[in-house]
Protein backbone atom coordinates (compact mmCIF):
# COMPACT_ATOMS: atom_id res chain seq x y z
CA UNK A 1 93.97 166.57 -138.11
CA UNK A 2 91.23 165.11 -140.31
CA UNK A 3 89.67 167.15 -143.09
CA UNK A 4 86.15 168.37 -142.34
CA UNK A 5 83.11 168.67 -144.58
CA UNK A 6 79.61 170.15 -144.30
CA UNK A 7 76.69 167.94 -143.26
CA UNK A 8 72.98 168.68 -143.01
CA UNK A 9 70.56 166.17 -141.49
CA UNK A 10 66.92 167.17 -141.71
CA UNK A 11 63.34 166.03 -142.04
CA UNK A 12 60.39 167.99 -143.42
CA UNK A 13 59.93 169.91 -140.16
CA UNK A 14 63.32 170.22 -138.48
CA UNK A 15 67.07 170.39 -138.98
CA UNK A 16 68.56 167.69 -136.75
CA UNK A 17 72.20 168.65 -137.43
CA UNK A 18 73.94 171.27 -139.56
CA UNK A 19 77.66 171.80 -139.33
CA UNK A 20 81.13 170.46 -140.01
CA UNK A 21 82.19 166.89 -139.37
CA UNK A 22 85.21 164.64 -139.84
CA UNK A 23 83.36 161.36 -140.43
CA UNK A 24 79.72 160.45 -141.00
CA UNK A 25 78.50 156.90 -140.44
CA UNK A 26 75.07 155.98 -141.83
CA UNK A 27 72.92 152.82 -141.99
CA UNK A 28 72.92 152.26 -145.75
CA UNK A 29 70.41 149.95 -147.39
CA UNK A 30 73.22 147.44 -148.02
CA UNK A 31 75.02 147.94 -144.70
CA UNK A 32 76.82 150.56 -142.65
CA UNK A 33 78.66 153.23 -144.66
CA UNK A 34 81.34 155.72 -143.62
CA UNK A 35 81.61 159.05 -145.42
CA UNK A 36 84.76 161.20 -145.15
CA UNK A 37 85.87 164.43 -146.84
CA UNK A 38 86.41 163.94 -150.56
CA UNK A 39 84.03 160.97 -150.81
CA UNK A 40 82.78 160.21 -154.30
CA UNK A 41 79.37 161.58 -155.24
CA UNK A 42 76.62 159.24 -154.13
CA UNK A 43 72.86 158.91 -153.72
CA UNK A 44 71.44 155.99 -151.73
CA UNK A 45 68.51 155.07 -149.49
CA UNK A 46 69.04 154.62 -145.76
CA UNK A 47 67.43 152.04 -143.48
CA UNK A 48 66.43 152.22 -139.84
CA UNK A 49 69.42 152.72 -137.56
CA UNK A 50 71.81 155.29 -136.14
CA UNK A 51 73.50 158.14 -137.99
CA UNK A 52 76.75 159.07 -136.22
CA UNK A 53 78.29 162.48 -136.87
CA UNK A 54 81.91 162.61 -135.67
CA UNK A 55 82.71 166.30 -135.26
CA UNK A 56 86.11 165.71 -133.64
CA UNK A 57 88.23 162.75 -132.61
CA UNK A 58 86.47 162.49 -129.25
CA UNK A 59 83.05 164.04 -130.02
CA UNK A 60 80.09 162.46 -131.78
CA UNK A 61 76.39 163.09 -132.20
CA UNK A 62 74.06 160.13 -132.74
CA UNK A 63 70.67 160.47 -134.40
CA UNK A 64 68.21 157.57 -134.63
CA UNK A 65 66.37 157.32 -137.96
CA UNK A 66 63.57 155.14 -139.35
CA UNK A 67 64.57 155.62 -142.98
CA UNK A 68 66.00 158.28 -145.20
CA UNK A 69 68.15 159.22 -148.14
CA UNK A 70 71.85 160.10 -148.36
CA UNK A 71 73.07 162.58 -150.99
CA UNK A 72 76.82 163.24 -151.22
CA UNK A 73 77.92 166.11 -153.44
CA UNK A 74 81.33 167.65 -154.00
CA UNK A 75 80.53 170.47 -151.55
CA UNK A 76 78.47 168.80 -148.79
CA UNK A 77 76.50 165.82 -147.53
CA UNK A 78 72.73 165.83 -147.09
CA UNK A 79 70.74 163.30 -145.06
CA UNK A 80 67.03 163.65 -145.77
CA UNK A 81 64.70 161.90 -143.34
């Protein structure tokens, strides 16, 4: 079983996702990035594309974004749109 971590995806008006996930895939400015539990701290802009939140081996939520910002801390991951 994969380790899970907390993720929040939100814009100024709405929380698009808040919960635990096993793997987060985001459209980074330099290419697609995968974030797993224990990832190093990171701050980076995001480009237009799809954010995929894998909550279990066979379950995923996809959210289309125009742009945003990824902030990875020791405790959680934030995607600000």
